[in-house]
C-alpha atoms as a PDB file:
ATOM      1  CA  MET A   1    -152.965-173.734 210.472  1.00  0.00           C
ATOM      2  CA  ILE A   2    -154.584-176.543 209.114  1.00  0.00           C
ATOM      3  CA  PHE A   3    -157.949-177.077 207.638  1.00  0.00           C
ATOM      4  CA  GLY A   4    -159.735-180.275 208.870  1.00  0.00           C
ATOM      5  CA  LEU A   5    -163.017-181.841 208.626  1.00  0.00           C
ATOM      6  CA  ALA A   6    -166.457-180.022 209.333  1.00  0.00           C
ATOM      7  CA  GLY A   7    -164.953-176.335 208.505  1.00  0.00           C
ATOM      8  CA  ALA A   8    -162.683-176.855 211.594  1.00  0.00           C
ATOM      9  CA  VAL A   9    -159.398-175.276 211.700  1.00  0.00           C
ATOM     10  CA  VAL A  10    -156.614-176.450 213.865  1.00  0.00           C
ATOM     11  CA  LEU A  11    -154.390-173.444 215.071  1.00  0.00           C
ATOM     12  CA  GLY A  12    -150.750-173.529 215.784  1.00  0.00           C
ATOM     13  CA  VAL A  13    -151.795-173.384 219.489  1.00  0.00           C
ATOM     14  CA  GLY A  14    -153.629-176.632 219.149  1.00  0.00           C
ATOM     15  CA  VAL A  15    -156.979-174.677 219.451  1.00  0.00           C
ATOM     16  CA  LEU A  16    -159.905-176.181 217.461  1.00  0.00           C
ATOM     17  CA  VAL A  17    -162.307-173.663 215.985  1.00  0.00           C
ATOM     18  CA  ALA A  18    -165.299-173.531 213.671  1.00  0.00           C
ATOM     19  CA  ALA A  19    -164.147-171.850 210.200  1.00  0.00           C
ATOM     20  CA  VAL A  20    -165.112-171.714 206.717  1.00  0.00           C
ATOM     21  CA  VAL A  21    -162.934-173.791 204.687  1.00  0.00           C
ATOM     22  CA  PRO A  22    -161.265-172.019 201.751  1.00  0.00           C
ATOM     23  CA  ALA A  23    -161.924-173.713 198.323  1.00  0.00           C
ATOM     24  CA  PRO A  24    -158.890-175.487 196.897  1.00  0.00           C
ATOM     25  CA  GLY A  25    -156.817-172.857 194.830  1.00  0.00           C
ATOM     26  CA  SER A  26    -158.386-169.711 196.586  1.00  0.00           C
ATOM     27  CA  HIS A  27    -156.414-166.830 197.354  1.00  0.00           C
ATOM     28  CA  ALA A  28    -157.049-167.703 200.993  1.00  0.00           C
ATOM     29  CA  ALA A  29    -155.931-171.269 200.545  1.00  0.00           C
ATOM     30  CA  GLU A  30    -152.652-170.244 198.910  1.00  0.00           C
ATOM     31  CA  GLN A  31    -151.838-167.508 201.578  1.00  0.00           C
ATOM     32  CA  LEU A  32    -151.951-170.352 204.153  1.00  0.00           C
ATOM     33  CA  ALA A  33    -149.934-172.853 202.177  1.00  0.00           C
ATOM     34  CA  ASP A  34    -147.372-170.144 201.509  1.00  0.00           C
ATOM     35  CA  ALA A  35    -147.138-169.139 205.330  1.00  0.00           C
ATOM     36  CA  ASP A  36    -146.787-172.949 206.056  1.00  0.00           C
ATOM     37  CA  ARG A  37    -143.835-173.097 203.390  1.00  0.00           C
ATOM     38  CA  GLU A  38    -142.188-169.985 204.926  1.00  0.00           C
ATOM     39  CA  LEU A  39    -142.389-171.324 208.246  1.00  0.00           C
ATOM     40  CA  ILE A  40    -140.637-174.470 207.502  1.00  0.00           C
ATOM     41  CA  HIS A  41    -137.943-172.405 205.323  1.00  0.00           C
ATOM     42  CA  ALA A  42    -137.580-170.156 208.692  1.00  0.00           C
ATOM     43  CA  ALA A  43    -137.073-173.232 210.769  1.00  0.00           C
ATOM     44  CA  ARG A  44    -134.360-174.625 208.559  1.00  0.00           C
ATOM     45  CA  ARG A  45    -132.451-171.178 208.916  1.00  0.00           C
ATOM     46  CA  GLY A  46    -133.083-170.929 212.664  1.00  0.00           C
ATOM     47  CA  ASP A  47    -134.708-167.591 212.134  1.00  0.00           C
ATOM     48  CA  VAL A  48    -136.328-166.703 215.427  1.00  0.00           C
ATOM     49  CA  ASP A  49    -138.079-163.464 214.552  1.00  0.00           C
ATOM     50  CA  ALA A  50    -139.486-164.771 211.267  1.00  0.00           C
ATOM     51  CA  VAL A  51    -140.667-167.886 213.159  1.00  0.00           C
ATOM     52  CA  ARG A  52    -142.354-165.472 215.867  1.00  0.00           C
ATOM     53  CA  THR A  53    -144.266-163.454 213.053  1.00  0.00           C
ATOM     54  CA  LEU A  54    -145.314-166.431 210.970  1.00  0.00           C
ATOM     55  CA  LEU A  55    -146.714-168.273 213.853  1.00  0.00           C
ATOM     56  CA  ALA A  56    -148.690-165.189 215.037  1.00  0.00           C
ATOM     57  CA  ALA A  57    -149.919-164.774 211.638  1.00  0.00           C
ATOM     58  CA  GLY A  58    -151.409-168.295 211.868  1.00  0.00           C
ATOM     59  CA  ALA A  59    -148.835-170.468 210.125  1.00  0.00           C
ATOM     60  CA  GLY A  60    -149.505-174.143 211.305  1.00  0.00           C
ATOM     61  CA  VAL A  61    -146.935-175.909 213.502  1.00  0.00           C
ATOM     62  CA  HIS A  62    -148.563-179.413 212.113  1.00  0.00           C
ATOM     63  CA  ALA A  63    -148.013-178.590 208.230  1.00  0.00           C
ATOM     64  CA  VAL A  64    -145.497-181.023 206.513  1.00  0.00           C
ATOM     65  CA  ASP A  65    -143.544-180.623 203.487  1.00  0.00           C
ATOM     66  CA  GLY A  66    -142.859-183.248 200.986  1.00  0.00           C
ATOM     67  CA  THR A  67    -140.548-185.268 203.209  1.00  0.00           C
ATOM     68  CA  GLY A  68    -143.292-185.653 205.700  1.00  0.00           C
ATOM     69  CA  ALA A  69    -141.396-183.163 208.141  1.00  0.00           C
ATOM     70  CA  THR A  70    -142.805-180.393 210.281  1.00  0.00           C
ATOM     71  CA  ALA A  71    -141.134-177.264 210.911  1.00  0.00           C
ATOM     72  CA  LEU A  72    -140.013-178.855 214.054  1.00  0.00           C
ATOM     73  CA  VAL A  73    -138.428-181.610 212.628  1.00  0.00           C
ATOM     74  CA  HIS A  74    -136.423-179.290 210.370  1.00  0.00           C
ATOM     75  CA  ALA A  75    -135.385-177.194 213.292  1.00  0.00           C
ATOM     76  CA  ALA A  76    -134.294-180.467 215.128  1.00  0.00           C
ATOM     77  CA  TYR A  77    -132.022-181.372 212.054  1.00  0.00           C
ATOM     78  CA  ALA A  78    -130.190-178.210 212.484  1.00  0.00           C
ATOM     79  CA  ASN A  79    -130.483-178.142 216.292  1.00  0.00           C
ATOM     80  CA  HIS A  80    -132.057-174.551 216.327  1.00  0.00           C
ATOM     81  CA  LEU A  81    -133.022-174.773 219.887  1.00  0.00           C
ATOM     82  CA  GLU A  82    -134.652-171.502 220.384  1.00  0.00           C
ATOM     83  CA  VAL A  83    -136.857-172.283 217.136  1.00  0.00           C
ATOM     84  CA  ALA A  84    -137.753-175.649 218.341  1.00  0.00           C
ATOM     85  CA  GLY A  85    -138.804-174.122 221.709  1.00  0.00           C
ATOM     86  CA  LEU A  86    -141.034-171.735 220.095  1.00  0.00           C
ATOM     87  CA  PHE A  87    -142.847-174.722 218.030  1.00  0.00           C
ATOM     88  CA  VAL A  88    -143.232-176.786 221.175  1.00  0.00           C
ATOM     89  CA  ALA A  89    -144.740-173.945 222.980  1.00  0.00           C
ATOM     90  CA  SER A  90    -147.238-173.654 219.984  1.00  0.00           C
ATOM     91  CA  GLY A  91    -148.343-177.225 220.327  1.00  0.00           C
ATOM     92  CA  ALA A  92    -145.817-179.075 217.838  1.00  0.00           C
ATOM     93  CA  ASP A  93    -145.642-182.822 218.350  1.00  0.00           C
ATOM     94  CA  VAL A  94    -142.086-183.896 219.429  1.00  0.00           C
ATOM     95  CA  ASN A  95    -143.055-187.292 218.377  1.00  0.00           C
ATOM     96  CA  HIS A  96    -144.120-186.567 214.797  1.00  0.00           C
ATOM     97  CA  GLN A  97    -142.019-188.647 212.273  1.00  0.00           C
ATOM     98  CA  ASP A  98    -140.973-187.952 208.769  1.00  0.00           C
ATOM     99  CA  ARG A  99    -140.916-190.246 205.886  1.00  0.00           C
ATOM    100  CA  THR A 100    -137.621-191.781 207.414  1.00  0.00           C
ATOM    101  CA  ARG A 101    -139.011-192.041 210.517  1.00  0.00           C
ATOM    102  CA  GLN A 102    -136.969-189.098 212.069  1.00  0.00           C
ATOM    103  CA  SER A 103    -138.649-186.956 214.692  1.00  0.00           C
ATOM    104  CA  ALA A 104    -137.301-184.034 216.741  1.00  0.00           C
ATOM    105  CA  PHE A 105    -136.831-186.678 219.622  1.00  0.00           C
ATOM    106  CA  LEU A 106    -135.151-189.305 217.679  1.00  0.00           C
ATOM    107  CA  ILE A 107    -132.719-186.734 215.951  1.00  0.00           C
ATOM    108  CA  ALA A 108    -131.594-185.512 219.401  1.00  0.00           C
ATOM    109  CA  THR A 109    -130.810-188.873 220.331  1.00  0.00           C
ATOM    110  CA  SER A 110    -128.845-189.679 217.402  1.00  0.00           C
ATOM    111  CA  ASP A 111    -126.992-186.485 217.001  1.00  0.00           C
ATOM    112  CA  GLY A 112    -126.304-185.829 220.577  1.00  0.00           C
ATOM    113  CA  PHE A 113    -128.313-182.521 220.977  1.00  0.00           C
ATOM    114  CA  HIS A 114    -128.849-183.002 224.741  1.00  0.00           C
ATOM    115  CA  ASP A 115    -130.638-179.715 225.333  1.00  0.00           C
ATOM    116  CA  LEU A 116    -133.247-180.645 222.426  1.00  0.00           C
ATOM    117  CA  LEU A 117    -133.316-183.793 224.098  1.00  0.00           C
ATOM    118  CA  LEU A 118    -134.476-182.300 227.496  1.00  0.00           C
ATOM    119  CA  LEU A 119    -136.967-180.265 225.616  1.00  0.00           C
ATOM    120  CA  CYS A 120    -138.541-183.099 223.802  1.00  0.00           C
ATOM    121  CA  LEU A 121    -138.868-185.114 227.252  1.00  0.00           C
ATOM    122  CA  THR A 122    -140.304-182.152 228.900  1.00  0.00           C
ATOM    123  CA  HIS A 123    -143.143-181.862 226.176  1.00  0.00           C
ATOM    124  CA  GLY A 124    -144.223-185.677 226.056  1.00  0.00           C
ATOM    125  CA  ALA A 125    -141.402-187.288 223.851  1.00  0.00           C
ATOM    126  CA  ASP A 126    -142.269-191.170 223.732  1.00  0.00           C
ATOM    127  CA  VAL A 127    -139.165-192.805 224.391  1.00  0.00           C
ATOM    128  CA  HIS A 128    -140.486-196.138 222.895  1.00  0.00           C
ATOM    129  CA  ARG A 129    -140.819-194.941 219.621  1.00  0.00           C
ATOM    130  CA  THR A 130    -138.296-196.390 216.854  1.00  0.00           C
ATOM    131  CA  ASP A 131    -136.691-195.527 213.782  1.00  0.00           C
ATOM    132  CA  SER A 132    -136.350-197.090 210.425  1.00  0.00           C
ATOM    133  CA  TYR A 133    -134.005-199.839 211.585  1.00  0.00           C
ATOM    134  CA  ASN A 134    -136.576-200.398 214.851  1.00  0.00           C
ATOM    135  CA  GLY A 135    -133.921-198.686 216.946  1.00  0.00           C
ATOM    136  CA  THR A 136    -134.771-196.764 220.044  1.00  0.00           C
ATOM    137  CA  GLY A 137    -133.142-193.246 221.087  1.00  0.00           C
ATOM    138  CA  LEU A 138    -130.857-195.511 223.458  1.00  0.00           C
ATOM    139  CA  ILE A 139    -129.554-197.730 220.650  1.00  0.00           C
ATOM    140  CA  ARG A 140    -129.125-194.365 218.504  1.00  0.00           C
ATOM    141  CA  ALA A 141    -127.273-192.662 221.165  1.00  0.00           C
ATOM    142  CA  ALA A 142    -125.186-195.766 221.922  1.00  0.00           C
ATOM    143  CA  ASP A 143    -123.979-196.069 218.334  1.00  0.00           C
ATOM    144  CA  ARG A 144    -122.465-192.864 218.340  1.00  0.00           C
ATOM    145  CA  GLY A 145    -121.316-192.772 221.982  1.00  0.00           C
ATOM    146  CA  HIS A 146    -123.373-189.861 223.188  1.00  0.00           C
ATOM    147  CA  VAL A 147    -122.797-189.901 227.116  1.00  0.00           C
ATOM    148  CA  GLU A 148    -125.149-187.468 228.221  1.00  0.00           C
ATOM    149  CA  VAL A 149    -127.829-188.373 226.076  1.00  0.00           C
ATOM    150  CA  ILE A 150    -127.399-191.841 227.388  1.00  0.00           C
ATOM    151  CA  ARG A 151    -127.197-190.726 231.185  1.00  0.00           C
ATOM    152  CA  THR A 152    -130.573-188.909 230.488  1.00  0.00           C
ATOM    153  CA  LEU A 153    -132.287-191.611 228.787  1.00  0.00           C
ATOM    154  CA  LEU A 154    -131.711-194.123 231.439  1.00  0.00           C
ATOM    155  CA  THR A 155    -133.700-191.892 233.829  1.00  0.00           C
ATOM    156  CA  THR A 156    -136.670-192.730 231.755  1.00  0.00           C
ATOM    157  CA  ASP A 157    -138.573-196.079 231.188  1.00  0.00           C
ATOM    158  CA  ILE A 158    -136.876-196.805 227.858  1.00  0.00           C
ATOM    159  CA  ALA A 159    -136.417-200.533 227.160  1.00  0.00           C
ATOM    160  CA  ILE A 160    -132.670-201.028 227.659  1.00  0.00           C
ATOM    161  CA  ASP A 161    -132.544-204.384 226.088  1.00  0.00           C
ATOM    162  CA  HIS A 162    -134.544-203.587 222.936  1.00  0.00           C
ATOM    163  CA  VAL A 163    -133.371-205.165 220.118  1.00  0.00           C
ATOM    164  CA  ASN A 164    -133.274-203.626 216.682  1.00  0.00           C
ATOM    165  CA  ARG A 165    -133.825-204.840 213.165  1.00  0.00           C
ATOM    166  CA  LEU A 166    -129.966-205.767 212.818  1.00  0.00           C
ATOM    167  CA  GLY A 167    -130.360-207.879 216.063  1.00  0.00           C
ATOM    168  CA  TRP A 168    -128.429-205.639 218.404  1.00  0.00           C
ATOM    169  CA  THR A 169    -129.387-203.969 221.593  1.00  0.00           C
ATOM    170  CA  ALA A 170    -127.607-200.558 222.875  1.00  0.00           C
ATOM    171  CA  LEU A 171    -124.884-202.229 224.559  1.00  0.00           C
ATOM    172  CA  LEU A 172    -124.098-204.376 221.347  1.00  0.00           C
ATOM    173  CA  GLU A 173    -124.144-201.443 219.154  1.00  0.00           C
ATOM    174  CA  ALA A 174    -121.788-199.275 221.805  1.00  0.00           C
ATOM    175  CA  ILE A 175    -119.318-202.347 221.031  1.00  0.00           C
ATOM    176  CA  ILE A 176    -119.839-203.167 217.544  1.00  0.00           C
ATOM    177  CA  LEU A 177    -120.136-199.686 216.030  1.00  0.00           C
ATOM    178  CA  GLY A 178    -117.877-197.974 218.860  1.00  0.00           C
ATOM    179  CA  ASP A 179    -114.277-197.423 218.689  1.00  0.00           C
ATOM    180  CA  GLY A 180    -113.529-198.756 222.299  1.00  0.00           C
ATOM    181  CA  GLY A 181    -112.470-194.997 223.320  1.00  0.00           C
ATOM    182  CA  PRO A 182    -113.552-193.159 226.378  1.00  0.00           C
ATOM    183  CA  ARG A 183    -117.005-192.204 225.111  1.00  0.00           C
ATOM    184  CA  HIS A 184    -117.975-195.653 224.093  1.00  0.00           C
ATOM    185  CA  THR A 185    -116.620-197.284 226.909  1.00  0.00           C
ATOM    186  CA  GLU A 186    -118.301-194.937 229.401  1.00  0.00           C
ATOM    187  CA  VAL A 187    -121.666-195.895 227.432  1.00  0.00           C
ATOM    188  CA  VAL A 188    -121.048-199.518 228.092  1.00  0.00           C
ATOM    189  CA  ARG A 189    -120.333-198.766 231.716  1.00  0.00           C
ATOM    190  CA  LEU A 190    -123.621-196.795 232.061  1.00  0.00           C
ATOM    191  CA  LEU A 191    -125.512-199.465 230.461  1.00  0.00           C
ATOM    192  CA  VAL A 192    -124.159-202.245 232.425  1.00  0.00           C
ATOM    193  CA  GLU A 193    -124.611-200.403 235.636  1.00  0.00           C
ATOM    194  CA  ALA A 194    -128.337-199.532 234.670  1.00  0.00           C
ATOM    195  CA  GLY A 195    -129.279-203.488 234.519  1.00  0.00           C
ATOM    196  CA  ALA A 196    -128.326-204.179 230.785  1.00  0.00           C
ATOM    197  CA  ASN A 197    -128.182-207.947 229.924  1.00  0.00           C
ATOM    198  CA  VAL A 198    -124.553-208.422 229.393  1.00  0.00           C
ATOM    199  CA  ASP A 199    -125.210-212.028 227.808  1.00  0.00           C
ATOM    200  CA  LEU A 200    -127.798-211.002 225.373  1.00  0.00           C
ATOM    201  CA  ALA A 201    -126.397-212.240 222.146  1.00  0.00           C
ATOM    202  CA  ASP A 202    -126.780-210.790 218.690  1.00  0.00           C
ATOM    203  CA  SER A 203    -128.769-212.494 215.953  1.00  0.00           C
ATOM    204  CA  GLN A 204    -125.673-214.494 215.098  1.00  0.00           C
ATOM    205  CA  GLY A 205    -125.256-215.718 218.504  1.00  0.00           C
ATOM    206  CA  VAL A 206    -122.219-213.520 219.268  1.00  0.00           C
ATOM    207  CA  THR A 207    -122.193-212.180 222.854  1.00  0.00           C
ATOM    208  CA  PRO A 208    -121.153-208.677 223.707  1.00  0.00           C
ATOM    209  CA  LEU A 209    -118.032-210.038 225.797  1.00  0.00           C
ATOM    210  CA  ALA A 210    -117.145-211.953 222.446  1.00  0.00           C
ATOM    211  CA  HIS A 211    -117.147-208.753 220.368  1.00  0.00           C
ATOM    212  CA  ALA A 212    -115.281-206.643 222.769  1.00  0.00           C
ATOM    213  CA  ARG A 213    -112.589-209.145 222.717  1.00  0.00           C
ATOM    214  CA  ARG A 214    -112.416-209.589 218.978  1.00  0.00           C
ATOM    215  CA  ARG A 215    -112.359-205.794 218.997  1.00  0.00           C
ATOM    216  CA  GLY A 216    -109.365-205.417 221.265  1.00  0.00           C
ATOM    217  CA  GLN A 217    -111.703-203.375 223.602  1.00  0.00           C
ATOM    218  CA  SER A 218    -109.865-204.197 226.961  1.00  0.00           C
ATOM    219  CA  THR A 219    -111.502-201.698 229.231  1.00  0.00           C
ATOM    220  CA  VAL A 220    -114.819-202.629 227.720  1.00  0.00           C
ATOM    221  CA  THR A 221    -114.071-206.517 228.307  1.00  0.00           C
ATOM    222  CA  ALA A 222    -113.007-205.702 231.853  1.00  0.00           C
ATOM    223  CA  ILE A 223    -116.340-204.268 232.518  1.00  0.00           C
ATOM    224  CA  LEU A 224    -118.248-206.988 231.220  1.00  0.00           C
ATOM    225  CA  GLU A 225    -116.382-209.589 232.806  1.00  0.00           C
ATOM    226  CA  THR A 226    -116.836-207.745 236.186  1.00  0.00           C
ATOM    227  CA  ALA A 227    -120.381-207.980 235.462  1.00  0.00           C
ATOM    228  CA  GLY A 228    -120.314-211.588 235.219  1.00  0.00           C
ATOM    229  CA  ALA A 229    -120.436-211.595 231.213  1.00  0.00           C
ATOM    230  CA  ARG A 230    -119.740-215.134 229.512  1.00  0.00           C
END
């Protein structure tokens, strides 16, 4: 539960109702703060029963801790899927970003939590949100070689050739930070088949094909050459 302006209260289910705002330091205010803290602790543990109890008691899904993270963000870090489902059903924002610009959606992309990704997409994930490196979820997943995450993201309108702060696209990340093994090679294949610009160079003017050749990634090189890369 979050107290707002003009004596309004935003409940965990996203309903705005009139209320009397407890004075700072009052017993009621302390109880609410304690409930919100307990909710975040329960989210970290993945304690489904405690989360249900706290939500029913009015703990707020929009409350944040000192890191700027909501209970949902903490649940996402640990891939506590059932707990995350309870939060989004109660109106939690899958796009909320903590102070490091991590959100439930972005965590799912970088950590390969495919079921969590599907949950976030079903509940309004903004695929254009970026992290502290100005990287999209597609770039983050390409870096780690998360094939299923890539395949799912490519069904959305995510920008396939978005360039992050390092000057890299998802295709470049899969090559530069990948190991040339089966997972990163499949990521490259999926990106190329989806229309990634195979000639879009990095900030130093080095193309994906040049990077693949330098790293001895023969299968990746063949995929790029077949696609007409220069």
